[in-house]
Amino acid sequence: MKTADWLVKEDGICCLCKSVREWNLLAEEYRLYRFLTEVEDITRLAAIEGRDEETSLSGLRMLVRKLVLNCYTVKTRLPEPNQKTGVSVVMLYDELGFPMTIQTEMNLPGTTSPIHNHGTWGIVMVLEGKQKNTFWKRNPTSEFPDKINRVGERIIEPGDIISFTSEAIHSIEAVGDEPTITFNLYGETFGNKRFQFNLDRQTAKHF
């Protein structure tokens, strides 16, 4: 199966990125604890050296692909369907003071999200099903300082990875007949930078 890595920034353009071949990522022992340590190494070094999110995301996407390829835990700790909300989540790691979010998420067919950014960098890998991402960018005016415009969309399939910088804006929909299951990794979220957008009113509120 041919897979792809994508990056979305604040301009809303979904760019194809160079990805590492899976056979170069095969490992006899690659567990969640090692993944978390290596993710922290990348983010700490980025802070020390003043690297931008785009640079760090290249290495983080590789680690996500390596984890999903080699770690049995990720493939088995999957959410149960939630018929009421359409969305269910399993936290894979939760520690007081640990600034990142790591989880698997299930969206039932037809489930949609509001238009939002994350207020931090994020990486999503599709494990099962298909997820349509619609991309937006800010286009402020004097009358509507939170106005956004639609830029495009892309359907992400199993094995694909899509990554976002903090200011990237998107909405998602689980398309097809099967639930969409994803592995999600997010950096430390800053609430004052995370927004949900109302397209009809051209407004934004903290999300």
C-alpha atoms as a PDB file:
ATOM      1  CA  MET A   1       0.000   0.000   0.000  1.00  0.00           C
ATOM      2  CA  LYS A   2       1.391   3.390  -0.958  1.00  0.00           C
ATOM      3  CA  THR A   3       1.167   5.895   1.857  1.00  0.00           C
ATOM      4  CA  ALA A   4       1.979   9.582   2.148  1.00  0.00           C
ATOM      5  CA  ASP A   5       3.003  12.228   4.682  1.00  0.00           C
ATOM      6  CA  TRP A   6       1.341  15.658   4.547  1.00  0.00           C
ATOM      7  CA  LEU A   7       1.910  19.021   6.231  1.00  0.00           C
ATOM      8  CA  VAL A   8      -0.608  21.849   6.663  1.00  0.00           C
ATOM      9  CA  LYS A   9       0.396  25.327   7.853  1.00  0.00           C
ATOM     10  CA  GLU A  10      -1.531  28.548   8.446  1.00  0.00           C
ATOM     11  CA  ASP A  11      -1.930  29.179   4.700  1.00  0.00           C
ATOM     12  CA  GLY A  12      -4.158  26.076   4.491  1.00  0.00           C
ATOM     13  CA  ILE A  13      -2.125  24.439   1.725  1.00  0.00           C
ATOM     14  CA  CYS A  14      -1.658  20.679   2.174  1.00  0.00           C
ATOM     15  CA  CYS A  15       1.919  19.900   1.115  1.00  0.00           C
ATOM     16  CA  LEU A  16       3.317  16.454   0.364  1.00  0.00           C
ATOM     17  CA  CYS A  17       6.399  15.684   2.474  1.00  0.00           C
ATOM     18  CA  LYS A  18       9.242  13.247   2.045  1.00  0.00           C
ATOM     19  CA  SER A  19       8.599  10.109   4.097  1.00  0.00           C
ATOM     20  CA  VAL A  20      10.849   7.319   5.322  1.00  0.00           C
ATOM     21  CA  ARG A  21      10.436   3.883   3.789  1.00  0.00           C
ATOM     22  CA  GLU A  22       8.800   1.499   6.211  1.00  0.00           C
ATOM     23  CA  TRP A  23      11.443  -1.210   5.924  1.00  0.00           C
ATOM     24  CA  ASN A  24      13.959   1.313   7.302  1.00  0.00           C
ATOM     25  CA  LEU A  25      11.767   1.697  10.397  1.00  0.00           C
ATOM     26  CA  LEU A  26      11.334  -1.967  11.304  1.00  0.00           C
ATOM     27  CA  ALA A  27      12.586  -2.753  14.815  1.00  0.00           C
ATOM     28  CA  GLU A  28      12.460  -5.853  16.999  1.00  0.00           C
ATOM     29  CA  GLU A  29      11.643  -3.812  20.107  1.00  0.00           C
ATOM     30  CA  TYR A  30      10.098  -0.368  19.835  1.00  0.00           C
ATOM     31  CA  ARG A  31       7.683   0.316  22.646  1.00  0.00           C
ATOM     32  CA  LEU A  32       5.607   3.284  23.702  1.00  0.00           C
ATOM     33  CA  TYR A  33       8.055   4.413  26.386  1.00  0.00           C
ATOM     34  CA  ARG A  34      10.878   4.655  23.860  1.00  0.00           C
ATOM     35  CA  PHE A  35       8.653   6.606  21.461  1.00  0.00           C
ATOM     36  CA  LEU A  36       7.735   9.093  24.191  1.00  0.00           C
ATOM     37  CA  THR A  37      11.367   9.601  25.122  1.00  0.00           C
ATOM     38  CA  GLU A  38      12.372  10.219  21.506  1.00  0.00           C
ATOM     39  CA  VAL A  39       9.482  12.641  20.996  1.00  0.00           C
ATOM     40  CA  GLU A  40      10.629  14.579  24.079  1.00  0.00           C
ATOM     41  CA  ASP A  41      14.198  14.608  22.761  1.00  0.00           C
ATOM     42  CA  ILE A  42      13.065  16.217  19.500  1.00  0.00           C
ATOM     43  CA  THR A  43      10.854  18.820  21.149  1.00  0.00           C
ATOM     44  CA  ARG A  44      13.442  19.767  23.782  1.00  0.00           C
ATOM     45  CA  LEU A  45      16.192  20.127  21.193  1.00  0.00           C
ATOM     46  CA  ALA A  46      13.855  22.222  19.042  1.00  0.00           C
ATOM     47  CA  ALA A  47      13.241  24.567  21.977  1.00  0.00           C
ATOM     48  CA  ILE A  48      16.963  24.866  22.725  1.00  0.00           C
ATOM     49  CA  GLU A  49      17.941  25.482  19.096  1.00  0.00           C
ATOM     50  CA  GLY A  50      14.927  27.637  18.241  1.00  0.00           C
ATOM     51  CA  ARG A  51      13.699  25.318  15.489  1.00  0.00           C
ATOM     52  CA  ASP A  52      10.319  26.031  13.930  1.00  0.00           C
ATOM     53  CA  GLU A  53       7.460  23.536  14.124  1.00  0.00           C
ATOM     54  CA  GLU A  54       7.770  22.538  10.471  1.00  0.00           C
ATOM     55  CA  THR A  55      11.345  21.324  11.029  1.00  0.00           C
ATOM     56  CA  SER A  56      10.453  19.355  14.156  1.00  0.00           C
ATOM     57  CA  LEU A  57       7.390  17.772  12.533  1.00  0.00           C
ATOM     58  CA  SER A  58       9.570  16.001   9.994  1.00  0.00           C
ATOM     59  CA  GLY A  59      11.237  13.921  12.708  1.00  0.00           C
ATOM     60  CA  LEU A  60       8.022  13.489  14.671  1.00  0.00           C
ATOM     61  CA  ARG A  61       6.149  12.088  11.663  1.00  0.00           C
ATOM     62  CA  MET A  62       8.898   9.499  11.272  1.00  0.00           C
ATOM     63  CA  LEU A  63       8.579   8.470  14.925  1.00  0.00           C
ATOM     64  CA  VAL A  64       4.800   8.118  14.620  1.00  0.00           C
ATOM     65  CA  ARG A  65       5.158   5.878  11.591  1.00  0.00           C
ATOM     66  CA  LYS A  66       7.809   3.822  13.401  1.00  0.00           C
ATOM     67  CA  LEU A  67       5.597   3.418  16.458  1.00  0.00           C
ATOM     68  CA  VAL A  68       2.490   2.323  14.558  1.00  0.00           C
ATOM     69  CA  LEU A  69       4.543  -0.078  12.462  1.00  0.00           C
ATOM     70  CA  ASN A  70       6.231  -1.786  15.401  1.00  0.00           C
ATOM     71  CA  CYS A  71       4.145  -1.322  18.546  1.00  0.00           C
ATOM     72  CA  TYR A  72       1.383  -3.827  19.204  1.00  0.00           C
ATOM     73  CA  THR A  73      -0.181  -1.595  21.853  1.00  0.00           C
ATOM     74  CA  VAL A  74      -1.225   1.067  19.363  1.00  0.00           C
ATOM     75  CA  LYS A  75      -2.949  -1.459  17.132  1.00  0.00           C
ATOM     76  CA  THR A  76      -4.912  -3.119  19.934  1.00  0.00           C
ATOM     77  CA  ARG A  77      -5.916  -0.300  22.322  1.00  0.00           C
ATOM     78  CA  LEU A  78      -8.711   1.013  20.145  1.00  0.00           C
ATOM     79  CA  PRO A  79     -11.823   2.934  21.238  1.00  0.00           C
ATOM     80  CA  GLU A  80     -15.266   1.383  21.415  1.00  0.00           C
ATOM     81  CA  PRO A  81     -17.895   2.982  19.127  1.00  0.00           C
ATOM     82  CA  ASN A  82     -19.959   5.748  20.725  1.00  0.00           C
ATOM     83  CA  GLN A  83     -23.324   5.818  19.006  1.00  0.00           C
ATOM     84  CA  LYS A  84     -24.434   8.921  20.901  1.00  0.00           C
ATOM     85  CA  THR A  85     -21.636  11.343  20.013  1.00  0.00           C
ATOM     86  CA  GLY A  86     -20.014   9.490  17.105  1.00  0.00           C
ATOM     87  CA  VAL A  87     -16.590  10.084  18.646  1.00  0.00           C
ATOM     88  CA  SER A  88     -14.649   7.986  21.173  1.00  0.00           C
ATOM     89  CA  VAL A  89     -11.083   8.267  22.447  1.00  0.00           C
ATOM     90  CA  VAL A  90      -8.542   6.085  24.265  1.00  0.00           C
ATOM     91  CA  MET A  91      -5.667   7.874  25.975  1.00  0.00           C
ATOM     92  CA  LEU A  92      -2.499   5.851  25.416  1.00  0.00           C
ATOM     93  CA  TYR A  93      -0.443   7.761  27.971  1.00  0.00           C
ATOM     94  CA  ASP A  94      -1.434  10.212  30.681  1.00  0.00           C
ATOM     95  CA  GLU A  95       0.988  11.541  33.277  1.00  0.00           C
ATOM     96  CA  LEU A  96       0.749  14.645  35.430  1.00  0.00           C
ATOM     97  CA  GLY A  97       3.101  17.258  33.989  1.00  0.00           C
ATOM     98  CA  PHE A  98       3.527  15.467  30.655  1.00  0.00           C
ATOM     99  CA  PRO A  99       2.666  18.225  28.156  1.00  0.00           C
ATOM    100  CA  MET A 100       1.668  16.139  25.151  1.00  0.00           C
ATOM    101  CA  THR A 101      -1.481  14.243  24.175  1.00  0.00           C
ATOM    102  CA  ILE A 102      -1.229  10.755  22.704  1.00  0.00           C
ATOM    103  CA  GLN A 103      -4.408   8.836  21.865  1.00  0.00           C
ATOM    104  CA  THR A 104      -6.374   6.742  19.420  1.00  0.00           C
ATOM    105  CA  GLU A 105      -9.693   8.129  18.226  1.00  0.00           C
ATOM    106  CA  MET A 106     -12.712   6.578  16.513  1.00  0.00           C
ATOM    107  CA  ASN A 107     -15.166   8.593  14.420  1.00  0.00           C
ATOM    108  CA  LEU A 108     -18.282   6.843  13.156  1.00  0.00           C
ATOM    109  CA  PRO A 109     -19.235   7.338   9.486  1.00  0.00           C
ATOM    110  CA  GLY A 110     -20.596  10.810   8.818  1.00  0.00           C
ATOM    111  CA  THR A 111     -19.188  12.319  12.020  1.00  0.00           C
ATOM    112  CA  THR A 112     -17.846  15.835  11.513  1.00  0.00           C
ATOM    113  CA  SER A 113     -15.854  18.290  13.590  1.00  0.00           C
ATOM    114  CA  PRO A 114     -16.175  22.055  13.905  1.00  0.00           C
ATOM    115  CA  ILE A 115     -13.673  24.207  12.048  1.00  0.00           C
ATOM    116  CA  HIS A 116     -10.729  24.627  14.415  1.00  0.00           C
ATOM    117  CA  ASN A 117      -7.035  24.918  14.977  1.00  0.00           C
ATOM    118  CA  HIS A 118      -5.202  23.085  17.762  1.00  0.00           C
ATOM    119  CA  GLY A 119      -3.143  25.801  19.395  1.00  0.00           C
ATOM    120  CA  THR A 120      -0.175  23.444  19.087  1.00  0.00           C
ATOM    121  CA  TRP A 121       1.445  21.152  16.546  1.00  0.00           C
ATOM    122  CA  GLY A 122      -0.336  17.897  15.766  1.00  0.00           C
ATOM    123  CA  ILE A 123       0.152  14.625  13.894  1.00  0.00           C
ATOM    124  CA  VAL A 124      -2.647  12.273  12.847  1.00  0.00           C
ATOM    125  CA  MET A 125      -2.161   8.855  11.254  1.00  0.00           C
ATOM    126  CA  VAL A 126      -5.142   6.989   9.851  1.00  0.00           C
ATOM    127  CA  LEU A 127      -5.246   3.363  11.023  1.00  0.00           C
ATOM    128  CA  GLU A 128      -8.617   2.352   9.568  1.00  0.00           C
ATOM    129  CA  GLY A 129     -11.273   4.020   7.400  1.00  0.00           C
ATOM    130  CA  LYS A 130     -11.029   7.355   5.611  1.00  0.00           C
ATOM    131  CA  GLN A 131     -10.931  10.908   6.919  1.00  0.00           C
ATOM    132  CA  LYS A 132     -11.696  13.982   4.844  1.00  0.00           C
ATOM    133  CA  ASN A 133      -9.803  17.075   5.938  1.00  0.00           C
ATOM    134  CA  THR A 134     -11.001  20.486   4.775  1.00  0.00           C
ATOM    135  CA  PHE A 135      -8.454  23.292   5.097  1.00  0.00           C
ATOM    136  CA  TRP A 136      -9.020  26.968   5.851  1.00  0.00           C
ATOM    137  CA  LYS A 137      -6.965  30.116   6.290  1.00  0.00           C
ATOM    138  CA  ARG A 138      -7.539  33.400   8.033  1.00  0.00           C
ATOM    139  CA  ASN A 139      -8.579  36.313   5.827  1.00  0.00           C
ATOM    140  CA  PRO A 140      -9.332  39.119   8.294  1.00  0.00           C
ATOM    141  CA  THR A 141     -11.156  42.296   7.329  1.00  0.00           C
ATOM    142  CA  SER A 142     -11.963  45.414   9.323  1.00  0.00           C
ATOM    143  CA  GLU A 143     -15.549  44.195   9.713  1.00  0.00           C
ATOM    144  CA  PHE A 144     -14.709  40.526  10.348  1.00  0.00           C
ATOM    145  CA  PRO A 145     -11.286  40.135  12.008  1.00  0.00           C
ATOM    146  CA  ASP A 146     -11.842  36.357  12.358  1.00  0.00           C
ATOM    147  CA  LYS A 147     -12.972  35.743   8.785  1.00  0.00           C
ATOM    148  CA  ILE A 148     -11.699  32.526   7.188  1.00  0.00           C
ATOM    149  CA  ASN A 149     -11.671  31.204   3.624  1.00  0.00           C
ATOM    150  CA  ARG A 150     -11.760  27.604   2.465  1.00  0.00           C
ATOM    151  CA  VAL A 151      -8.510  26.556   0.758  1.00  0.00           C
ATOM    152  CA  GLY A 152      -9.051  22.915  -0.194  1.00  0.00           C
ATOM    153  CA  GLU A 153      -9.550  19.375   1.039  1.00  0.00           C
ATOM    154  CA  ARG A 154      -7.884  15.979   1.062  1.00  0.00           C
ATOM    155  CA  ILE A 155      -9.027  12.471   1.960  1.00  0.00           C
ATOM    156  CA  ILE A 156      -6.525  10.697   4.204  1.00  0.00           C
ATOM    157  CA  GLU A 157      -6.487   6.903   3.985  1.00  0.00           C
ATOM    158  CA  PRO A 158      -4.979   4.091   6.110  1.00  0.00           C
ATOM    159  CA  GLY A 159      -1.226   4.538   6.492  1.00  0.00           C
ATOM    160  CA  ASP A 160      -1.309   8.233   5.613  1.00  0.00           C
ATOM    161  CA  ILE A 161      -0.033  10.836   8.068  1.00  0.00           C
ATOM    162  CA  ILE A 162      -1.164  14.448   8.179  1.00  0.00           C
ATOM    163  CA  SER A 163       0.573  17.010  10.385  1.00  0.00           C
ATOM    164  CA  PHE A 164      -0.363  20.529  11.430  1.00  0.00           C
ATOM    165  CA  THR A 165       1.424  23.573  12.736  1.00  0.00           C
ATOM    166  CA  SER A 166      -0.230  25.485  15.575  1.00  0.00           C
ATOM    167  CA  GLU A 167      -2.035  27.981  13.342  1.00  0.00           C
ATOM    168  CA  ALA A 168      -3.285  25.474  10.737  1.00  0.00           C
ATOM    169  CA  ILE A 169      -7.091  25.461  10.513  1.00  0.00           C
ATOM    170  CA  HIS A 170      -9.119  22.430   9.444  1.00  0.00           C
ATOM    171  CA  SER A 171     -12.295  20.443   9.902  1.00  0.00           C
ATOM    172  CA  ILE A 172     -12.706  16.694   9.536  1.00  0.00           C
ATOM    173  CA  GLU A 173     -15.342  14.216   8.408  1.00  0.00           C
ATOM    174  CA  ALA A 174     -15.330  10.426   8.631  1.00  0.00           C
ATOM    175  CA  VAL A 175     -16.226   9.351   5.108  1.00  0.00           C
ATOM    176  CA  GLY A 176     -17.147   5.939   3.756  1.00  0.00           C
ATOM    177  CA  ASP A 177     -19.069   3.097   5.374  1.00  0.00           C
ATOM    178  CA  GLU A 178     -16.570   2.160   8.082  1.00  0.00           C
ATOM    179  CA  PRO A 179     -15.496   4.043  11.223  1.00  0.00           C
ATOM    180  CA  THR A 180     -12.347   6.107  10.946  1.00  0.00           C
ATOM    181  CA  ILE A 181      -9.693   5.199  13.523  1.00  0.00           C
ATOM    182  CA  THR A 182      -6.676   7.443  13.950  1.00  0.00           C
ATOM    183  CA  PHE A 183      -3.547   7.703  16.061  1.00  0.00           C
ATOM    184  CA  ASN A 184      -3.185  11.284  17.302  1.00  0.00           C
ATOM    185  CA  LEU A 185      -0.180  13.055  18.802  1.00  0.00           C
ATOM    186  CA  TYR A 186      -0.384  16.698  19.921  1.00  0.00           C
ATOM    187  CA  GLY A 187       2.086  19.020  21.593  1.00  0.00           C
ATOM    188  CA  GLU A 188       1.359  21.170  24.603  1.00  0.00           C
ATOM    189  CA  THR A 189      -1.894  23.010  23.971  1.00  0.00           C
ATOM    190  CA  PHE A 190      -2.120  26.715  24.745  1.00  0.00           C
ATOM    191  CA  GLY A 191      -5.779  27.524  25.288  1.00  0.00           C
ATOM    192  CA  ASN A 192      -5.417  31.161  24.310  1.00  0.00           C
ATOM    193  CA  LYS A 193      -4.236  30.068  20.858  1.00  0.00           C
ATOM    194  CA  ARG A 194      -6.883  27.397  20.182  1.00  0.00           C
ATOM    195  CA  PHE A 195     -10.017  28.515  18.355  1.00  0.00           C
ATOM    196  CA  GLN A 196     -13.257  27.208  16.907  1.00  0.00           C
ATOM    197  CA  PHE A 197     -14.524  29.130  13.890  1.00  0.00           C
ATOM    198  CA  ASN A 198     -18.094  29.917  12.863  1.00  0.00           C
ATOM    199  CA  LEU A 199     -18.160  30.193   9.087  1.00  0.00           C
ATOM    200  CA  ASP A 200     -21.644  31.698   8.860  1.00  0.00           C
ATOM    201  CA  ARG A 201     -20.964  34.471  11.352  1.00  0.00           C
ATOM    202  CA  GLN A 202     -17.236  34.759  10.513  1.00  0.00           C
ATOM    203  CA  THR A 203     -16.386  34.669  14.206  1.00  0.00           C
ATOM    204  CA  ALA A 204     -14.038  32.660  16.417  1.00  0.00           C
ATOM    205  CA  LYS A 205     -14.116  31.588  20.053  1.00  0.00           C
ATOM    206  CA  HIS A 206     -11.724  29.713  22.293  1.00  0.00           C
ATOM    207  CA  PHE A 207     -12.116  25.968  21.820  1.00  0.00           C
END
